[in-house]
Amino acid sequence: MGKLVSTIFVTLDGVYQAPGGPQEDTRGGFTQGGWSFPYGDDDFGRFVTEVFARAGAFLLGRRTYDIFAGYWPKVTDPGDPIAGPLNTLPKYVPSASLTDPSWAHTTVLKGDLAKEVAELKERTDGELQVHGSGALLRSLLDLGLVDTLHLLTVPVVLGAGRRLFTEGTRPTAFRHTGGSVTASGVSIQSYDRAGRPEYGTYELPES
């Protein structure tokens, strides 16, 4: 059985929209796309390369899928550490509107998300990886299907854009499993899902 592993870039104020380029996702009139680019140093690239090396299959939201499908099939070097896995491994996209995907090894999921993803985890060797796909990630978290979250926090505040954790997100506790900070200041932290949060209070000691 595989693990469902999410890797996502966010700003200090929680924005995940369009980290890779100005035209990547302009919904809501967003004009600050490409905010992760200045921080993409060797440390950053090394971590991402290591993540892709563990992939067994990919589960992508429709928008992220379209962005990836418009770029990675053009990178034809089979030895490329990102393009190689993306172009050759199975890709799954939950979508009611995607009917004839042109990117090889793509399967469209149209049934019950919880059931289909649970079955994918069962039959995937290695990691079933979610990259970006913020709305899909929230749904998977709400369903309790995410095993590991790699959160790459970029030291920038945008003040606008789509945020990862919105009001109504299912309360979830995580266990920190490792982390580092790149030379450019990106905080890379890994967490395993640990169930529901626990609560308490800081009470003054009795005198």
N, C-alpha and C. Protein backbone atom coordinates (compact mmCIF):
# COMPACT_ATOMS: atom_id res chain seq x y z
N MET A 1 0.84 -1.20 0.00
CA MET A 1 0.00 0.00 0.00
C MET A 1 0.87 1.25 0.00
N GLY A 2 0.54 2.20 -0.86
CA GLY A 2 1.30 3.43 -0.93
C GLY A 2 0.82 4.46 0.08
N LYS A 3 1.59 5.51 0.20
CA LYS A 3 1.22 6.65 1.04
C LYS A 3 0.79 7.80 0.15
N LEU A 4 -0.15 8.58 0.62
CA LEU A 4 -0.53 9.79 -0.09
C LEU A 4 0.29 10.94 0.48
N VAL A 5 1.11 11.54 -0.35
CA VAL A 5 2.07 12.56 0.08
C VAL A 5 1.83 13.84 -0.71
N SER A 6 1.64 14.93 0.01
CA SER A 6 1.41 16.23 -0.61
C SER A 6 2.64 17.12 -0.48
N THR A 7 2.99 17.79 -1.56
CA THR A 7 4.05 18.80 -1.55
C THR A 7 3.47 20.09 -2.10
N ILE A 8 3.54 21.15 -1.30
CA ILE A 8 2.91 22.40 -1.74
C ILE A 8 3.72 23.59 -1.25
N PHE A 9 3.77 24.63 -2.09
CA PHE A 9 4.46 25.88 -1.76
C PHE A 9 3.43 26.88 -1.24
N VAL A 10 3.76 27.57 -0.16
CA VAL A 10 2.89 28.63 0.36
C VAL A 10 3.74 29.83 0.76
N THR A 11 3.09 30.99 0.82
CA THR A 11 3.73 32.19 1.33
C THR A 11 3.57 32.24 2.85
N LEU A 12 4.19 33.22 3.48
CA LEU A 12 4.04 33.37 4.92
C LEU A 12 2.59 33.63 5.31
N ASP A 13 1.82 34.25 4.41
CA ASP A 13 0.40 34.47 4.73
C ASP A 13 -0.49 33.41 4.11
N GLY A 14 0.07 32.25 3.77
CA GLY A 14 -0.72 31.09 3.41
C GLY A 14 -1.21 31.00 1.99
N VAL A 15 -0.72 31.86 1.08
CA VAL A 15 -1.16 31.84 -0.31
C VAL A 15 -0.43 30.72 -1.07
N TYR A 16 -1.19 29.94 -1.84
CA TYR A 16 -0.57 28.90 -2.66
C TYR A 16 -0.74 29.17 -4.16
N GLN A 17 -1.46 30.20 -4.51
CA GLN A 17 -1.83 30.47 -5.90
C GLN A 17 -0.63 30.90 -6.74
N ALA A 18 -0.43 30.23 -7.86
CA ALA A 18 0.53 30.62 -8.90
C ALA A 18 1.96 30.84 -8.40
N PRO A 19 2.56 29.84 -7.75
CA PRO A 19 3.95 30.04 -7.31
C PRO A 19 4.95 30.08 -8.45
N GLY A 20 4.60 29.47 -9.62
CA GLY A 20 5.61 29.26 -10.65
C GLY A 20 5.69 30.27 -11.76
N GLY A 21 4.71 31.16 -11.91
CA GLY A 21 4.78 32.11 -13.01
C GLY A 21 3.59 33.06 -13.05
N PRO A 22 3.75 34.21 -13.70
CA PRO A 22 2.70 35.24 -13.71
C PRO A 22 1.38 34.79 -14.33
N GLN A 23 1.44 33.90 -15.32
CA GLN A 23 0.22 33.48 -16.00
C GLN A 23 -0.30 32.12 -15.53
N GLU A 24 0.30 31.58 -14.48
CA GLU A 24 -0.04 30.23 -14.03
C GLU A 24 -1.48 30.14 -13.53
N ASP A 25 -1.91 31.12 -12.78
CA ASP A 25 -3.27 31.11 -12.22
C ASP A 25 -3.65 32.54 -11.87
N THR A 26 -4.44 33.16 -12.72
CA THR A 26 -4.80 34.57 -12.53
C THR A 26 -6.22 34.74 -12.00
N ARG A 27 -6.81 33.68 -11.47
CA ARG A 27 -8.18 33.78 -10.94
C ARG A 27 -8.28 34.90 -9.92
N GLY A 28 -9.41 35.58 -9.94
CA GLY A 28 -9.63 36.68 -9.01
C GLY A 28 -8.79 37.90 -9.29
N GLY A 29 -8.23 37.99 -10.50
CA GLY A 29 -7.39 39.12 -10.84
C GLY A 29 -6.02 39.08 -10.18
N PHE A 30 -5.57 37.88 -9.82
CA PHE A 30 -4.28 37.74 -9.12
C PHE A 30 -3.14 38.10 -10.07
N THR A 31 -2.28 39.03 -9.63
CA THR A 31 -1.21 39.56 -10.49
C THR A 31 0.19 39.29 -9.94
N GLN A 32 0.30 38.46 -8.91
CA GLN A 32 1.60 38.28 -8.26
C GLN A 32 2.16 36.87 -8.46
N GLY A 33 1.75 36.22 -9.55
CA GLY A 33 2.24 34.88 -9.84
C GLY A 33 3.75 34.85 -10.05
N GLY A 34 4.36 33.73 -9.69
CA GLY A 34 5.80 33.57 -9.82
C GLY A 34 6.58 33.92 -8.58
N TRP A 35 5.90 34.00 -7.44
CA TRP A 35 6.54 34.47 -6.21
C TRP A 35 7.57 33.50 -5.63
N SER A 36 7.55 32.24 -6.04
CA SER A 36 8.55 31.30 -5.51
C SER A 36 9.85 31.33 -6.31
N PHE A 37 9.80 31.87 -7.53
CA PHE A 37 10.95 31.79 -8.44
C PHE A 37 12.25 32.36 -7.85
N PRO A 38 12.23 33.54 -7.21
CA PRO A 38 13.49 34.09 -6.69
C PRO A 38 14.15 33.24 -5.61
N TYR A 39 13.42 32.27 -5.08
CA TYR A 39 13.94 31.46 -3.97
C TYR A 39 14.32 30.04 -4.40
N GLY A 40 14.30 29.80 -5.71
CA GLY A 40 14.54 28.46 -6.21
C GLY A 40 16.02 28.13 -6.33
N ASP A 41 16.71 28.00 -5.19
CA ASP A 41 18.15 27.73 -5.20
C ASP A 41 18.43 26.23 -5.24
N ASP A 42 19.71 25.86 -5.08
CA ASP A 42 20.10 24.45 -5.15
C ASP A 42 19.45 23.61 -4.05
N ASP A 43 19.34 24.17 -2.84
CA ASP A 43 18.71 23.43 -1.74
C ASP A 43 17.26 23.11 -2.06
N PHE A 44 16.58 24.09 -2.59
CA PHE A 44 15.17 23.95 -2.98
C PHE A 44 15.04 22.87 -4.04
N GLY A 45 15.86 22.96 -5.08
CA GLY A 45 15.81 22.00 -6.17
C GLY A 45 16.16 20.59 -5.73
N ARG A 46 17.10 20.46 -4.81
CA ARG A 46 17.52 19.15 -4.32
C ARG A 46 16.36 18.46 -3.60
N PHE A 47 15.64 19.21 -2.77
CA PHE A 47 14.52 18.62 -2.05
C PHE A 47 13.43 18.16 -3.01
N VAL A 48 13.09 19.00 -3.96
CA VAL A 48 12.03 18.65 -4.91
C VAL A 48 12.43 17.43 -5.72
N THR A 49 13.69 17.35 -6.14
CA THR A 49 14.17 16.20 -6.89
C THR A 49 14.06 14.92 -6.06
N GLU A 50 14.38 15.00 -4.77
CA GLU A 50 14.28 13.83 -3.90
C GLU A 50 12.83 13.38 -3.75
N VAL A 51 11.91 14.34 -3.70
CA VAL A 51 10.49 13.99 -3.59
C VAL A 51 10.04 13.22 -4.84
N PHE A 52 10.35 13.73 -6.01
CA PHE A 52 9.91 13.08 -7.24
C PHE A 52 10.53 11.70 -7.41
N ALA A 53 11.70 11.47 -6.84
CA ALA A 53 12.34 10.16 -6.95
C ALA A 53 11.56 9.08 -6.22
N ARG A 54 10.68 9.47 -5.29
CA ARG A 54 9.90 8.49 -4.52
C ARG A 54 8.50 8.27 -5.08
N ALA A 55 8.18 8.91 -6.18
CA ALA A 55 6.82 8.85 -6.72
C ALA A 55 6.52 7.50 -7.33
N GLY A 56 5.29 7.02 -7.09
CA GLY A 56 4.77 5.84 -7.76
C GLY A 56 3.65 6.19 -8.71
N ALA A 57 2.96 7.31 -8.41
CA ALA A 57 1.87 7.81 -9.23
C ALA A 57 1.56 9.22 -8.74
N PHE A 58 0.77 9.94 -9.54
CA PHE A 58 0.43 11.33 -9.20
C PHE A 58 -1.08 11.51 -9.19
N LEU A 59 -1.54 12.28 -8.22
CA LEU A 59 -2.94 12.68 -8.10
C LEU A 59 -2.97 14.19 -8.14
N LEU A 60 -3.56 14.76 -9.18
CA LEU A 60 -3.47 16.19 -9.42
C LEU A 60 -4.85 16.82 -9.57
N GLY A 61 -5.01 18.02 -9.00
CA GLY A 61 -6.21 18.80 -9.25
C GLY A 61 -6.25 19.23 -10.71
N ARG A 62 -7.44 19.55 -11.20
CA ARG A 62 -7.59 19.85 -12.63
C ARG A 62 -6.71 21.02 -13.06
N ARG A 63 -6.67 22.10 -12.28
CA ARG A 63 -5.89 23.27 -12.70
C ARG A 63 -4.40 22.94 -12.71
N THR A 64 -3.92 22.28 -11.67
CA THR A 64 -2.50 21.91 -11.64
C THR A 64 -2.18 20.96 -12.78
N TYR A 65 -3.07 20.02 -13.05
CA TYR A 65 -2.87 19.10 -14.17
C TYR A 65 -2.72 19.86 -15.48
N ASP A 66 -3.59 20.82 -15.73
CA ASP A 66 -3.52 21.59 -16.98
C ASP A 66 -2.20 22.35 -17.07
N ILE A 67 -1.74 22.93 -15.95
CA ILE A 67 -0.47 23.66 -15.94
C ILE A 67 0.68 22.71 -16.26
N PHE A 68 0.71 21.57 -15.58
CA PHE A 68 1.77 20.58 -15.80
C PHE A 68 1.73 20.03 -17.23
N ALA A 69 0.50 19.73 -17.72
CA ALA A 69 0.37 19.13 -19.05
C ALA A 69 0.79 20.09 -20.15
N GLY A 70 0.74 21.39 -19.86
CA GLY A 70 1.17 22.37 -20.85
C GLY A 70 2.67 22.57 -20.90
N TYR A 71 3.38 21.98 -19.93
CA TYR A 71 4.83 22.21 -19.87
C TYR A 71 5.65 20.93 -19.91
N TRP A 72 5.38 19.98 -19.01
CA TRP A 72 6.30 18.86 -18.82
C TRP A 72 6.38 17.90 -19.99
N PRO A 73 5.33 17.66 -20.79
CA PRO A 73 5.51 16.79 -21.95
C PRO A 73 6.52 17.33 -22.96
N LYS A 74 6.79 18.64 -22.91
CA LYS A 74 7.77 19.23 -23.83
C LYS A 74 9.20 18.98 -23.37
N VAL A 75 9.37 18.55 -22.12
CA VAL A 75 10.70 18.21 -21.61
C VAL A 75 10.90 16.72 -21.87
N THR A 76 11.63 16.40 -22.92
CA THR A 76 11.65 15.02 -23.43
C THR A 76 12.84 14.21 -22.94
N ASP A 77 13.72 14.80 -22.15
CA ASP A 77 14.86 14.05 -21.62
C ASP A 77 14.36 13.05 -20.58
N PRO A 78 14.45 11.74 -20.85
CA PRO A 78 13.94 10.77 -19.88
C PRO A 78 14.70 10.77 -18.57
N GLY A 79 15.91 11.35 -18.57
CA GLY A 79 16.70 11.42 -17.35
C GLY A 79 16.39 12.63 -16.49
N ASP A 80 15.51 13.52 -16.97
CA ASP A 80 15.16 14.69 -16.17
C ASP A 80 14.45 14.20 -14.90
N PRO A 81 14.90 14.63 -13.71
CA PRO A 81 14.37 14.06 -12.47
C PRO A 81 12.92 14.40 -12.18
N ILE A 82 12.38 15.41 -12.85
CA ILE A 82 10.97 15.75 -12.66
C ILE A 82 10.15 15.32 -13.87
N ALA A 83 10.61 15.67 -15.06
CA ALA A 83 9.86 15.31 -16.26
C ALA A 83 9.77 13.81 -16.44
N GLY A 84 10.83 13.09 -16.11
CA GLY A 84 10.83 11.64 -16.28
C GLY A 84 9.68 10.97 -15.55
N PRO A 85 9.58 11.15 -14.23
CA PRO A 85 8.44 10.56 -13.51
C PRO A 85 7.08 11.08 -13.98
N LEU A 86 6.97 12.40 -14.20
CA LEU A 86 5.68 12.96 -14.58
C LEU A 86 5.20 12.42 -15.93
N ASN A 87 6.10 12.21 -16.86
CA ASN A 87 5.71 11.78 -18.20
C ASN A 87 5.48 10.28 -18.31
N THR A 88 6.03 9.50 -17.39
CA THR A 88 5.96 8.04 -17.54
C THR A 88 5.08 7.35 -16.50
N LEU A 89 4.87 7.96 -15.35
CA LEU A 89 4.10 7.31 -14.29
C LEU A 89 2.61 7.63 -14.44
N PRO A 90 1.75 6.81 -13.82
CA PRO A 90 0.31 7.08 -13.88
C PRO A 90 -0.06 8.42 -13.24
N LYS A 91 -1.00 9.10 -13.88
CA LYS A 91 -1.51 10.37 -13.37
C LYS A 91 -3.03 10.27 -13.27
N TYR A 92 -3.57 10.71 -12.15
CA TYR A 92 -5.01 10.64 -11.90
C TYR A 92 -5.53 12.04 -11.63
N VAL A 93 -6.67 12.37 -12.25
CA VAL A 93 -7.24 13.72 -12.14
C VAL A 93 -8.72 13.61 -11.81
N PRO A 94 -9.15 14.02 -10.62
CA PRO A 94 -10.59 14.08 -10.35
C PRO A 94 -11.19 15.25 -11.12
N SER A 95 -12.08 14.98 -12.04
CA SER A 95 -12.65 16.05 -12.85
C SER A 95 -13.95 15.59 -13.50
N ALA A 96 -14.93 16.49 -13.51
CA ALA A 96 -16.19 16.21 -14.20
C ALA A 96 -16.17 16.73 -15.62
N SER A 97 -15.15 17.55 -15.96
CA SER A 97 -15.13 18.19 -17.28
C SER A 97 -14.01 17.70 -18.19
N LEU A 98 -12.98 17.09 -17.63
CA LEU A 98 -11.88 16.59 -18.46
C LEU A 98 -12.30 15.25 -19.06
N THR A 99 -12.39 15.19 -20.38
CA THR A 99 -12.93 13.99 -21.03
C THR A 99 -11.90 13.27 -21.90
N ASP A 100 -10.95 13.98 -22.49
CA ASP A 100 -10.03 13.33 -23.42
C ASP A 100 -8.62 13.87 -23.20
N PRO A 101 -7.99 13.50 -22.09
CA PRO A 101 -6.66 14.05 -21.80
C PRO A 101 -5.62 13.56 -22.80
N SER A 102 -4.76 14.47 -23.25
CA SER A 102 -3.76 14.12 -24.26
C SER A 102 -2.44 13.69 -23.64
N TRP A 103 -2.23 13.98 -22.36
CA TRP A 103 -0.98 13.61 -21.69
C TRP A 103 -1.02 12.11 -21.40
N ALA A 104 -0.01 11.40 -21.84
CA ALA A 104 0.02 9.94 -21.71
C ALA A 104 -0.08 9.51 -20.25
N HIS A 105 -0.69 8.35 -20.04
CA HIS A 105 -0.82 7.71 -18.73
C HIS A 105 -1.72 8.49 -17.77
N THR A 106 -2.69 9.20 -18.33
CA THR A 106 -3.64 9.96 -17.51
C THR A 106 -4.97 9.22 -17.41
N THR A 107 -5.50 9.15 -16.19
CA THR A 107 -6.82 8.58 -15.95
C THR A 107 -7.66 9.62 -15.23
N VAL A 108 -8.87 9.86 -15.73
CA VAL A 108 -9.79 10.81 -15.11
C VAL A 108 -10.66 10.08 -14.10
N LEU A 109 -10.72 10.61 -12.89
CA LEU A 109 -11.56 10.04 -11.83
C LEU A 109 -12.88 10.80 -11.79
N LYS A 110 -13.97 10.09 -11.95
CA LYS A 110 -15.29 10.74 -11.98
C LYS A 110 -16.22 10.21 -10.89
N GLY A 111 -15.76 9.24 -10.11
CA GLY A 111 -16.61 8.65 -9.09
C GLY A 111 -16.41 9.29 -7.73
N ASP A 112 -16.70 8.52 -6.69
CA ASP A 112 -16.58 8.99 -5.32
C ASP A 112 -15.11 9.18 -4.97
N LEU A 113 -14.73 10.42 -4.62
CA LEU A 113 -13.32 10.75 -4.40
C LEU A 113 -12.71 9.90 -3.30
N ALA A 114 -13.40 9.78 -2.17
CA ALA A 114 -12.86 9.03 -1.04
C ALA A 114 -12.59 7.59 -1.42
N LYS A 115 -13.54 6.95 -2.09
CA LYS A 115 -13.40 5.55 -2.47
C LYS A 115 -12.29 5.36 -3.50
N GLU A 116 -12.27 6.22 -4.52
CA GLU A 116 -11.30 6.06 -5.59
C GLU A 116 -9.87 6.32 -5.11
N VAL A 117 -9.68 7.32 -4.27
CA VAL A 117 -8.34 7.61 -3.78
C VAL A 117 -7.87 6.53 -2.81
N ALA A 118 -8.76 6.04 -1.98
CA ALA A 118 -8.39 4.94 -1.08
C ALA A 118 -7.94 3.72 -1.88
N GLU A 119 -8.62 3.44 -2.99
CA GLU A 119 -8.23 2.32 -3.84
C GLU A 119 -6.90 2.59 -4.53
N LEU A 120 -6.67 3.82 -4.94
CA LEU A 120 -5.39 4.17 -5.55
C LEU A 120 -4.24 3.95 -4.57
N LYS A 121 -4.44 4.36 -3.33
CA LYS A 121 -3.40 4.15 -2.32
C LYS A 121 -3.10 2.66 -2.15
N GLU A 122 -4.12 1.85 -2.19
CA GLU A 122 -3.96 0.41 -2.00
C GLU A 122 -3.08 -0.20 -3.08
N ARG A 123 -3.23 0.28 -4.32
CA ARG A 123 -2.54 -0.39 -5.41
C ARG A 123 -1.31 0.38 -5.93
N THR A 124 -0.93 1.44 -5.26
CA THR A 124 0.25 2.20 -5.68
C THR A 124 1.49 1.73 -4.93
N ASP A 125 2.52 1.39 -5.69
CA ASP A 125 3.82 1.08 -5.10
C ASP A 125 4.60 2.40 -5.00
N GLY A 126 5.06 2.74 -3.80
CA GLY A 126 5.69 4.04 -3.60
C GLY A 126 4.66 5.07 -3.20
N GLU A 127 4.96 6.31 -3.46
CA GLU A 127 4.09 7.41 -3.02
C GLU A 127 3.09 7.80 -4.09
N LEU A 128 1.85 7.98 -3.69
CA LEU A 128 0.84 8.64 -4.51
C LEU A 128 0.96 10.12 -4.18
N GLN A 129 1.50 10.89 -5.11
CA GLN A 129 1.90 12.27 -4.80
C GLN A 129 0.92 13.30 -5.34
N VAL A 130 0.62 14.27 -4.48
CA VAL A 130 -0.16 15.45 -4.85
C VAL A 130 0.79 16.64 -4.85
N HIS A 131 0.87 17.34 -5.96
CA HIS A 131 1.70 18.54 -6.06
C HIS A 131 0.79 19.74 -6.30
N GLY A 132 1.00 20.82 -5.51
CA GLY A 132 0.11 21.96 -5.63
C GLY A 132 -1.32 21.52 -5.33
N SER A 133 -2.24 21.86 -6.24
CA SER A 133 -3.62 21.35 -6.16
C SER A 133 -4.27 21.67 -4.82
N GLY A 134 -4.24 22.94 -4.43
CA GLY A 134 -4.68 23.33 -3.09
C GLY A 134 -6.10 22.91 -2.76
N ALA A 135 -7.05 23.11 -3.69
CA ALA A 135 -8.44 22.75 -3.41
C ALA A 135 -8.59 21.25 -3.23
N LEU A 136 -7.92 20.47 -4.08
CA LEU A 136 -7.95 19.02 -3.94
C LEU A 136 -7.32 18.59 -2.62
N LEU A 137 -6.21 19.22 -2.26
CA LEU A 137 -5.54 18.87 -1.01
C LEU A 137 -6.47 19.10 0.18
N ARG A 138 -7.19 20.20 0.20
CA ARG A 138 -8.13 20.44 1.30
C ARG A 138 -9.18 19.35 1.37
N SER A 139 -9.69 18.93 0.22
CA SER A 139 -10.68 17.86 0.20
C SER A 139 -10.10 16.56 0.74
N LEU A 140 -8.88 16.25 0.36
CA LEU A 140 -8.23 15.02 0.82
C LEU A 140 -7.95 15.07 2.32
N LEU A 141 -7.59 16.25 2.82
CA LEU A 141 -7.40 16.41 4.26
C LEU A 141 -8.72 16.22 5.00
N ASP A 142 -9.79 16.79 4.46
CA ASP A 142 -11.10 16.65 5.08
C ASP A 142 -11.53 15.18 5.14
N LEU A 143 -11.09 14.41 4.15
CA LEU A 143 -11.44 12.99 4.09
C LEU A 143 -10.48 12.11 4.89
N GLY A 144 -9.45 12.72 5.46
CA GLY A 144 -8.49 11.96 6.25
C GLY A 144 -7.60 11.05 5.42
N LEU A 145 -7.34 11.43 4.16
CA LEU A 145 -6.59 10.57 3.25
C LEU A 145 -5.12 10.95 3.09
N VAL A 146 -4.73 12.12 3.58
CA VAL A 146 -3.34 12.57 3.44
C VAL A 146 -2.49 11.93 4.55
N ASP A 147 -1.40 11.30 4.15
CA ASP A 147 -0.49 10.70 5.14
C ASP A 147 0.64 11.65 5.52
N THR A 148 1.22 12.31 4.52
CA THR A 148 2.38 13.18 4.75
C THR A 148 2.20 14.49 4.00
N LEU A 149 2.58 15.58 4.65
CA LEU A 149 2.50 16.91 4.06
C LEU A 149 3.88 17.54 4.09
N HIS A 150 4.41 17.87 2.91
CA HIS A 150 5.63 18.66 2.80
C HIS A 150 5.21 20.11 2.52
N LEU A 151 5.45 20.98 3.48
CA LEU A 151 5.04 22.38 3.37
C LEU A 151 6.28 23.24 3.16
N LEU A 152 6.38 23.85 1.98
CA LEU A 152 7.52 24.70 1.65
C LEU A 152 7.06 26.15 1.75
N THR A 153 7.48 26.82 2.84
CA THR A 153 7.02 28.17 3.12
C THR A 153 8.05 29.18 2.63
N VAL A 154 7.64 30.01 1.69
CA VAL A 154 8.52 30.99 1.06
C VAL A 154 8.42 32.30 1.83
N PRO A 155 9.55 32.94 2.14
CA PRO A 155 9.53 34.14 3.00
C PRO A 155 9.05 35.39 2.27
N VAL A 156 7.78 35.40 1.93
CA VAL A 156 7.18 36.56 1.28
C VAL A 156 5.72 36.63 1.70
N VAL A 157 5.21 37.84 1.87
CA VAL A 157 3.80 38.08 2.17
C VAL A 157 3.19 38.80 0.97
N LEU A 158 2.07 38.29 0.46
CA LEU A 158 1.45 38.87 -0.73
C LEU A 158 0.21 39.69 -0.42
N GLY A 159 -0.53 39.33 0.61
CA GLY A 159 -1.72 40.08 0.96
C GLY A 159 -2.91 39.82 0.07
N ALA A 160 -2.77 38.92 -0.89
CA ALA A 160 -3.87 38.58 -1.80
C ALA A 160 -3.58 37.20 -2.37
N GLY A 161 -4.63 36.56 -2.87
CA GLY A 161 -4.47 35.26 -3.49
C GLY A 161 -5.19 34.17 -2.72
N ARG A 162 -5.28 33.01 -3.32
CA ARG A 162 -5.99 31.88 -2.71
C ARG A 162 -5.14 31.25 -1.64
N ARG A 163 -5.74 31.09 -0.47
CA ARG A 163 -5.01 30.55 0.68
C ARG A 163 -5.31 29.07 0.87
N LEU A 164 -4.31 28.37 1.38
CA LEU A 164 -4.42 26.93 1.50
C LEU A 164 -5.46 26.52 2.54
N PHE A 165 -5.31 27.02 3.75
CA PHE A 165 -6.22 26.60 4.82
C PHE A 165 -7.26 27.69 5.04
N THR A 166 -8.46 27.41 4.58
CA THR A 166 -9.54 28.37 4.66
C THR A 166 -10.46 28.04 5.83
N GLU A 167 -11.35 28.96 6.12
CA GLU A 167 -12.35 28.74 7.16
C GLU A 167 -13.15 27.47 6.83
N GLY A 168 -13.27 26.60 7.82
CA GLY A 168 -14.01 25.37 7.61
C GLY A 168 -13.16 24.15 7.31
N THR A 169 -11.83 24.34 7.17
CA THR A 169 -10.95 23.19 6.98
C THR A 169 -11.05 22.26 8.18
N ARG A 170 -11.05 20.96 7.94
CA ARG A 170 -11.19 19.99 9.03
C ARG A 170 -10.02 20.11 10.01
N PRO A 171 -10.29 20.26 11.30
CA PRO A 171 -9.21 20.30 12.28
C PRO A 171 -8.38 19.01 12.23
N THR A 172 -7.08 19.14 12.07
CA THR A 172 -6.20 18.00 11.91
C THR A 172 -4.89 18.26 12.63
N ALA A 173 -4.41 17.29 13.36
CA ALA A 173 -3.10 17.39 14.02
C ALA A 173 -2.06 16.68 13.17
N PHE A 174 -0.82 17.19 13.22
CA PHE A 174 0.27 16.60 12.49
C PHE A 174 1.46 16.39 13.42
N ARG A 175 2.29 15.42 13.05
CA ARG A 175 3.53 15.14 13.78
C ARG A 175 4.70 15.55 12.90
N HIS A 176 5.56 16.42 13.43
CA HIS A 176 6.70 16.90 12.65
C HIS A 176 7.73 15.78 12.47
N THR A 177 8.12 15.51 11.22
CA THR A 177 9.04 14.41 10.94
C THR A 177 10.39 14.86 10.39
N GLY A 178 10.55 16.13 10.11
CA GLY A 178 11.84 16.61 9.61
C GLY A 178 11.71 17.96 8.97
N GLY A 179 12.82 18.63 8.82
CA GLY A 179 12.76 19.94 8.19
C GLY A 179 14.13 20.56 8.00
N SER A 180 14.14 21.62 7.20
CA SER A 180 15.37 22.36 6.94
C SER A 180 14.99 23.73 6.41
N VAL A 181 15.97 24.60 6.32
CA VAL A 181 15.78 25.92 5.72
C VAL A 181 16.82 26.08 4.63
N THR A 182 16.38 26.45 3.44
CA THR A 182 17.30 26.59 2.32
C THR A 182 18.15 27.86 2.49
N ALA A 183 19.19 27.97 1.68
CA ALA A 183 20.06 29.14 1.73
C ALA A 183 19.30 30.42 1.43
N SER A 184 18.23 30.32 0.63
CA SER A 184 17.44 31.51 0.29
C SER A 184 16.33 31.78 1.28
N GLY A 185 16.19 30.91 2.30
CA GLY A 185 15.23 31.18 3.36
C GLY A 185 13.91 30.45 3.28
N VAL A 186 13.77 29.50 2.37
CA VAL A 186 12.54 28.71 2.29
C VAL A 186 12.55 27.67 3.41
N SER A 187 11.50 27.65 4.21
CA SER A 187 11.36 26.67 5.29
C SER A 187 10.68 25.43 4.72
N ILE A 188 11.40 24.30 4.72
CA ILE A 188 10.87 23.04 4.23
C ILE A 188 10.59 22.15 5.43
N GLN A 189 9.32 21.89 5.68
CA GLN A 189 8.94 21.11 6.86
C GLN A 189 8.04 19.95 6.43
N SER A 190 8.27 18.80 7.04
CA SER A 190 7.50 17.61 6.71
C SER A 190 6.70 17.15 7.93
N TYR A 191 5.46 16.75 7.68
CA TYR A 191 4.56 16.37 8.76
C TYR A 191 3.79 15.11 8.36
N ASP A 192 3.57 14.23 9.33
CA ASP A 192 2.66 13.10 9.15
C ASP A 192 1.36 13.39 9.88
N ARG A 193 0.25 13.03 9.26
CA ARG A 193 -1.06 13.24 9.90
C ARG A 193 -1.14 12.43 11.18
N ALA A 194 -1.64 13.07 12.23
CA ALA A 194 -1.67 12.43 13.55
C ALA A 194 -3.07 12.44 14.16
N GLY A 195 -4.10 12.54 13.35
CA GLY A 195 -5.46 12.48 13.87
C GLY A 195 -6.04 13.84 14.19
N ARG A 196 -6.88 13.88 15.18
CA ARG A 196 -7.55 15.14 15.56
C ARG A 196 -6.69 15.91 16.55
N PRO A 197 -6.82 17.23 16.58
CA PRO A 197 -6.06 18.01 17.55
C PRO A 197 -6.48 17.70 18.99
N GLU A 198 -5.56 17.90 19.90
CA GLU A 198 -5.86 17.84 21.32
C GLU A 198 -5.83 19.26 21.88
N TYR A 199 -6.56 19.48 22.96
CA TYR A 199 -6.70 20.84 23.49
C TYR A 199 -6.42 20.85 24.99
N GLY A 200 -6.04 21.99 25.49
CA GLY A 200 -5.79 22.15 26.91
C GLY A 200 -5.83 23.61 27.27
N THR A 201 -5.30 23.93 28.42
CA THR A 201 -5.28 25.33 28.86
C THR A 201 -4.05 25.58 29.71
N TYR A 202 -3.55 26.79 29.61
CA TYR A 202 -2.44 27.21 30.46
C TYR A 202 -3.03 27.91 31.67
N GLU A 203 -3.06 27.21 32.79
CA GLU A 203 -3.66 27.76 33.99
C GLU A 203 -2.57 28.22 34.95
N LEU A 204 -2.86 29.28 35.66
CA LEU A 204 -1.92 29.76 36.65
C LEU A 204 -1.84 28.76 37.79
N PRO A 205 -0.65 28.51 38.31
CA PRO A 205 -0.55 27.57 39.45
C PRO A 205 -1.27 28.13 40.66
N GLU A 206 -1.80 27.21 41.44
CA GLU A 206 -2.48 27.64 42.66
C GLU A 206 -1.45 28.17 43.66
N SER A 207 -1.82 29.24 44.33
CA SER A 207 -0.90 29.85 45.31
C SER A 207 -1.04 29.17 46.66
